[in-house]
PDB file of N, CA and C in Angstrom:
ATOM      1  N   MET A   1       2.959 -54.506 -80.411  1.00  0.00           N
ATOM      2  CA  MET A   1       4.127 -54.323 -79.510  1.00  0.00           C
ATOM      3  C   MET A   1       5.229 -53.985 -80.505  1.00  0.00           C
ATOM      4  N   THR A   2       5.862 -52.983 -80.232  1.00  0.00           N
ATOM      5  CA  THR A   2       7.054 -52.496 -81.146  1.00  0.00           C
ATOM      6  C   THR A   2       8.301 -53.248 -80.928  1.00  0.00           C
ATOM      7  N   SER A   3       9.170 -53.073 -81.805  1.00  0.00           N
ATOM      8  CA  SER A   3      10.504 -53.815 -81.669  1.00  0.00           C
ATOM      9  C   SER A   3      11.273 -53.302 -80.525  1.00  0.00           C
ATOM     10  N   ALA A   4      11.102 -52.089 -80.205  1.00  0.00           N
ATOM     11  CA  ALA A   4      11.859 -51.428 -79.004  1.00  0.00           C
ATOM     12  C   ALA A   4      11.368 -52.054 -77.707  1.00  0.00           C
ATOM     13  N   THR A   5      10.087 -52.463 -77.604  1.00  0.00           N
ATOM     14  CA  THR A   5       9.615 -53.147 -76.414  1.00  0.00           C
ATOM     15  C   THR A   5      10.054 -54.555 -76.343  1.00  0.00           C
ATOM     16  N   LYS A   6      10.262 -55.230 -77.510  1.00  0.00           N
ATOM     17  CA  LYS A   6      10.668 -56.704 -77.452  1.00  0.00           C
ATOM     18  C   LYS A   6      12.154 -56.756 -77.206  1.00  0.00           C
ATOM     19  N   ALA A   7      13.008 -55.811 -77.656  1.00  0.00           N
ATOM     20  CA  ALA A   7      14.343 -56.013 -77.465  1.00  0.00           C
ATOM     21  C   ALA A   7      14.900 -56.268 -76.317  1.00  0.00           C
ATOM     22  N   PRO A   8      14.517 -55.731 -75.098  1.00  0.00           N
ATOM     23  CA  PRO A   8      15.046 -56.156 -73.779  1.00  0.00           C
ATOM     24  C   PRO A   8      14.874 -57.698 -73.478  1.00  0.00           C
ATOM     25  N   TYR A   9      13.774 -58.281 -74.028  1.00  0.00           N
ATOM     26  CA  TYR A   9      13.554 -59.717 -73.824  1.00  0.00           C
ATOM     27  C   TYR A   9      13.995 -60.611 -74.896  1.00  0.00           C
ATOM     28  N   ALA A  10      14.752 -60.203 -75.852  1.00  0.00           N
ATOM     29  CA  ALA A  10      15.210 -61.074 -76.931  1.00  0.00           C
ATOM     30  C   ALA A  10      16.165 -62.170 -76.360  1.00  0.00           C
ATOM     31  N   GLY A  11      15.788 -63.391 -76.810  1.00  0.00           N
ATOM     32  CA  GLY A  11      16.632 -64.453 -76.276  1.00  0.00           C
ATOM     33  C   GLY A  11      16.188 -65.167 -75.218  1.00  0.00           C
ATOM     34  N   HIS A  12      15.184 -64.608 -74.544  1.00  0.00           N
ATOM     35  CA  HIS A  12      14.712 -65.324 -73.224  1.00  0.00           C
ATOM     36  C   HIS A  12      13.685 -66.330 -73.611  1.00  0.00           C
ATOM     37  N   ARG A  13      13.626 -67.379 -72.773  1.00  0.00           N
ATOM     38  CA  ARG A  13      12.669 -68.478 -73.046  1.00  0.00           C
ATOM     39  C   ARG A  13      11.205 -68.201 -72.554  1.00  0.00           C
ATOM     40  N   PHE A  14      10.992 -67.139 -71.985  1.00  0.00           N
ATOM     41  CA  PHE A  14       9.599 -66.803 -71.360  1.00  0.00           C
ATOM     42  C   PHE A  14       9.127 -65.625 -72.233  1.00  0.00           C
ATOM     43  N   PRO A  15       7.756 -65.560 -72.442  1.00  0.00           N
ATOM     44  CA  PRO A  15       7.205 -64.526 -73.183  1.00  0.00           C
ATOM     45  C   PRO A  15       7.391 -63.194 -72.515  1.00  0.00           C
ATOM     46  N   PRO A  16       7.501 -62.120 -73.247  1.00  0.00           N
ATOM     47  CA  PRO A  16       7.666 -60.764 -72.673  1.00  0.00           C
ATOM     48  C   PRO A  16       6.535 -60.357 -71.617  1.00  0.00           C
ATOM     49  N   GLU A  17       5.383 -60.779 -71.921  1.00  0.00           N
ATOM     50  CA  GLU A  17       4.284 -60.541 -70.966  1.00  0.00           C
ATOM     51  C   GLU A  17       4.490 -61.069 -69.636  1.00  0.00           C
ATOM     52  N   LEU A  18       4.936 -62.340 -69.566  1.00  0.00           N
ATOM     53  CA  LEU A  18       5.209 -62.951 -68.426  1.00  0.00           C
ATOM     54  C   LEU A  18       6.403 -62.395 -67.631  1.00  0.00           C
ATOM     55  N   ILE A  19       7.394 -62.072 -68.387  1.00  0.00           N
ATOM     56  CA  ILE A  19       8.548 -61.420 -67.693  1.00  0.00           C
ATOM     57  C   ILE A  19       8.217 -60.059 -67.163  1.00  0.00           C
ATOM     58  N   SER A  20       7.417 -59.112 -67.747  1.00  0.00           N
ATOM     59  CA  SER A  20       6.869 -58.020 -67.397  1.00  0.00           C
ATOM     60  C   SER A  20       6.063 -58.064 -66.122  1.00  0.00           C
ATOM     61  N   HIS A  21       5.129 -59.087 -66.142  1.00  0.00           N
ATOM     62  CA  HIS A  21       4.256 -59.236 -64.973  1.00  0.00           C
ATOM     63  C   HIS A  21       5.014 -59.714 -63.814  1.00  0.00           C
ATOM     64  N   THR A  22       6.105 -60.540 -63.909  1.00  0.00           N
ATOM     65  CA  THR A  22       6.790 -60.980 -62.808  1.00  0.00           C
ATOM     66  C   THR A  22       7.669 -59.818 -62.167  1.00  0.00           C
ATOM     67  N   VAL A  23       8.260 -59.028 -63.165  1.00  0.00           N
ATOM     68  CA  VAL A  23       9.036 -57.921 -62.535  1.00  0.00           C
ATOM     69  C   VAL A  23       8.148 -56.832 -61.795  1.00  0.00           C
ATOM     70  N   TRP A  24       6.899 -56.683 -62.432  1.00  0.00           N
ATOM     71  CA  TRP A  24       5.928 -55.888 -61.792  1.00  0.00           C
ATOM     72  C   TRP A  24       5.503 -56.374 -60.361  1.00  0.00           C
ATOM     73  N   LEU A  25       5.293 -57.669 -60.297  1.00  0.00           N
ATOM     74  CA  LEU A  25       4.962 -58.177 -58.948  1.00  0.00           C
ATOM     75  C   LEU A  25       6.168 -58.051 -57.929  1.00  0.00           C
ATOM     76  N   TYR A  26       7.255 -58.326 -58.366  1.00  0.00           N
ATOM     77  CA  TYR A  26       8.479 -58.157 -57.609  1.00  0.00           C
ATOM     78  C   TYR A  26       8.693 -56.791 -57.000  1.00  0.00           C
ATOM     79  N   PHE A  27       8.527 -55.797 -57.806  1.00  0.00           N
ATOM     80  CA  PHE A  27       8.755 -54.417 -57.478  1.00  0.00           C
ATOM     81  C   PHE A  27       7.540 -53.685 -56.785  1.00  0.00           C
ATOM     82  N   ARG A  28       6.341 -54.107 -57.120  1.00  0.00           N
ATOM     83  CA  ARG A  28       5.140 -53.456 -56.632  1.00  0.00           C
ATOM     84  C   ARG A  28       4.915 -54.026 -55.327  1.00  0.00           C
ATOM     85  N   PHE A  29       5.155 -55.225 -54.958  1.00  0.00           N
ATOM     86  CA  PHE A  29       4.790 -55.663 -53.647  1.00  0.00           C
ATOM     87  C   PHE A  29       5.976 -56.180 -52.863  1.00  0.00           C
ATOM     88  N   PRO A  30       6.018 -56.283 -51.598  1.00  0.00           N
ATOM     89  CA  PRO A  30       7.129 -56.616 -50.847  1.00  0.00           C
ATOM     90  C   PRO A  30       7.278 -58.122 -50.827  1.00  0.00           C
ATOM     91  N   LEU A  31       7.546 -58.738 -52.020  1.00  0.00           N
ATOM     92  CA  LEU A  31       7.631 -60.120 -52.185  1.00  0.00           C
ATOM     93  C   LEU A  31       9.117 -60.589 -52.431  1.00  0.00           C
ATOM     94  N   SER A  32       9.372 -61.714 -52.000  1.00  0.00           N
ATOM     95  CA  SER A  32      10.708 -62.313 -52.391  1.00  0.00           C
ATOM     96  C   SER A  32      10.549 -62.957 -53.798  1.00  0.00           C
ATOM     97  N   LEU A  33      11.672 -63.363 -54.468  1.00  0.00           N
ATOM     98  CA  LEU A  33      11.554 -63.987 -55.680  1.00  0.00           C
ATOM     99  C   LEU A  33      10.903 -65.348 -55.630  1.00  0.00           C
ATOM    100  N   ARG A  34      11.061 -66.124 -54.479  1.00  0.00           N
ATOM    101  CA  ARG A  34      10.415 -67.322 -54.109  1.00  0.00           C
ATOM    102  C   ARG A  34       8.938 -67.087 -54.129  1.00  0.00           C
ATOM    103  N   MET A  35       8.613 -66.205 -53.403  1.00  0.00           N
ATOM    104  CA  MET A  35       7.025 -65.871 -53.397  1.00  0.00           C
ATOM    105  C   MET A  35       6.424 -65.614 -54.767  1.00  0.00           C
ATOM    106  N   VAL A  36       7.033 -64.820 -55.547  1.00  0.00           N
ATOM    107  CA  VAL A  36       6.584 -64.601 -56.885  1.00  0.00           C
ATOM    108  C   VAL A  36       6.514 -65.850 -57.629  1.00  0.00           C
ATOM    109  N   GLU A  37       7.680 -66.726 -57.515  1.00  0.00           N
ATOM    110  CA  GLU A  37       7.670 -67.952 -58.211  1.00  0.00           C
ATOM    111  C   GLU A  37       6.503 -68.866 -57.768  1.00  0.00           C
ATOM    112  N   GLU A  38       6.168 -68.887 -56.562  1.00  0.00           N
ATOM    113  CA  GLU A  38       5.082 -69.711 -55.873  1.00  0.00           C
ATOM    114  C   GLU A  38       3.725 -69.211 -56.444  1.00  0.00           C
ATOM    115  N   MET A  39       3.618 -67.821 -56.557  1.00  0.00           N
ATOM    116  CA  MET A  39       2.316 -67.334 -57.053  1.00  0.00           C
ATOM    117  C   MET A  39       2.065 -67.688 -58.545  1.00  0.00           C
ATOM    118  N   LEU A  40       3.138 -67.584 -59.316  1.00  0.00           N
ATOM    119  CA  LEU A  40       3.024 -68.019 -60.741  1.00  0.00           C
ATOM    120  C   LEU A  40       2.750 -69.529 -60.857  1.00  0.00           C
ATOM    121  N   ALA A  41       3.438 -70.332 -60.012  1.00  0.00           N
ATOM    122  CA  ALA A  41       3.271 -71.768 -60.048  1.00  0.00           C
ATOM    123  C   ALA A  41       1.720 -72.074 -59.703  1.00  0.00           C
ATOM    124  N   PHE A  42       1.142 -71.343 -58.727  1.00  0.00           N
ATOM    125  CA  PHE A  42      -0.229 -71.577 -58.446  1.00  0.00           C
ATOM    126  C   PHE A  42      -1.133 -71.341 -59.571  1.00  0.00           C
ATOM    127  N   ARG A  43      -0.778 -70.501 -60.505  1.00  0.00           N
ATOM    128  CA  ARG A  43      -1.510 -70.177 -61.706  1.00  0.00           C
ATOM    129  C   ARG A  43      -1.128 -71.083 -62.862  1.00  0.00           C
ATOM    130  N   GLY A  44      -0.256 -72.043 -62.604  1.00  0.00           N
ATOM    131  CA  GLY A  44       0.240 -73.044 -63.628  1.00  0.00           C
ATOM    132  C   GLY A  44       1.366 -72.567 -64.448  1.00  0.00           C
ATOM    133  N   ILE A  45       2.112 -71.560 -64.090  1.00  0.00           N
ATOM    134  CA  ILE A  45       3.321 -71.056 -64.830  1.00  0.00           C
ATOM    135  C   ILE A  45       4.416 -71.505 -64.073  1.00  0.00           C
ATOM    136  N   GLU A  46       5.290 -72.472 -64.571  1.00  0.00           N
ATOM    137  CA  GLU A  46       6.535 -72.927 -64.031  1.00  0.00           C
ATOM    138  C   GLU A  46       7.657 -72.178 -64.520  1.00  0.00           C
ATOM    139  N   VAL A  47       8.347 -71.508 -63.620  1.00  0.00           N
ATOM    140  CA  VAL A  47       9.677 -70.824 -63.893  1.00  0.00           C
ATOM    141  C   VAL A  47      10.816 -71.283 -63.163  1.00  0.00           C
ATOM    142  N   SER A  48      11.818 -70.999 -63.659  1.00  0.00           N
ATOM    143  CA  SER A  48      13.144 -71.449 -62.925  1.00  0.00           C
ATOM    144  C   SER A  48      14.124 -70.405 -62.753  1.00  0.00           C
TER     145      SER A  48
END
Protein backbone atom coordinates (compact mmCIF):
# COMPACT_ATOMS: atom_id res chain seq x y z
CA MET A 1 0.00 0.00 0.00
CA THR A 2 1.44 3.36 -0.93
CA SER A 3 1.69 6.32 1.40
CA ALA A 4 -0.86 8.17 -0.75
CA THR A 5 -3.39 5.43 0.02
CA LYS A 6 -2.70 5.52 3.76
CA ALA A 7 -2.82 9.32 4.09
CA PRO A 8 -6.65 9.69 4.17
CA TYR A 9 -6.83 7.32 7.13
CA ALA A 10 -3.90 8.65 9.17
CA GLY A 11 -4.83 9.08 12.81
CA HIS A 12 -7.90 6.83 12.75
CA ARG A 13 -8.14 3.96 15.21
CA PHE A 14 -9.46 1.42 12.67
CA PRO A 15 -7.35 -0.19 9.93
CA PRO A 16 -7.62 1.31 6.42
CA GLU A 17 -9.03 -1.97 5.06
CA LEU A 18 -11.93 -1.87 7.53
CA ILE A 19 -12.68 1.78 6.79
CA SER A 20 -12.62 1.12 3.03
CA HIS A 21 -14.89 -1.90 3.33
CA THR A 22 -17.38 -0.01 5.52
CA VAL A 23 -17.51 2.93 3.11
CA TRP A 24 -17.96 0.51 0.20
CA LEU A 25 -20.88 -1.22 1.95
CA TYR A 26 -22.52 2.10 2.76
CA PHE A 27 -22.34 3.44 -0.80
CA ARG A 28 -22.80 0.17 -2.72
CA PHE A 29 -25.97 -0.99 -0.99
CA PRO A 30 -28.96 0.99 0.28
CA LEU A 31 -27.97 0.52 3.91
CA SER A 32 -28.10 2.85 6.87
CA LEU A 33 -24.99 3.34 8.97
CA ARG A 34 -26.70 1.33 11.72
CA MET A 35 -27.20 -1.62 9.36
CA VAL A 36 -23.55 -1.50 8.30
CA GLU A 37 -22.53 -1.39 11.97
CA GLU A 38 -24.73 -4.42 12.70
CA MET A 39 -23.28 -6.35 9.74
CA LEU A 40 -19.75 -5.71 10.97
CA ALA A 41 -20.74 -6.62 14.56
CA PHE A 42 -22.10 -9.94 13.28
CA ARG A 43 -18.61 -10.63 11.92
CA GLY A 44 -17.02 -9.74 15.26
CA ILE A 45 -15.94 -6.18 14.40
CA GLU A 46 -17.09 -3.62 16.96
CA VAL A 47 -17.23 -0.04 15.71
CA SER A 48 -18.56 3.11 17.28
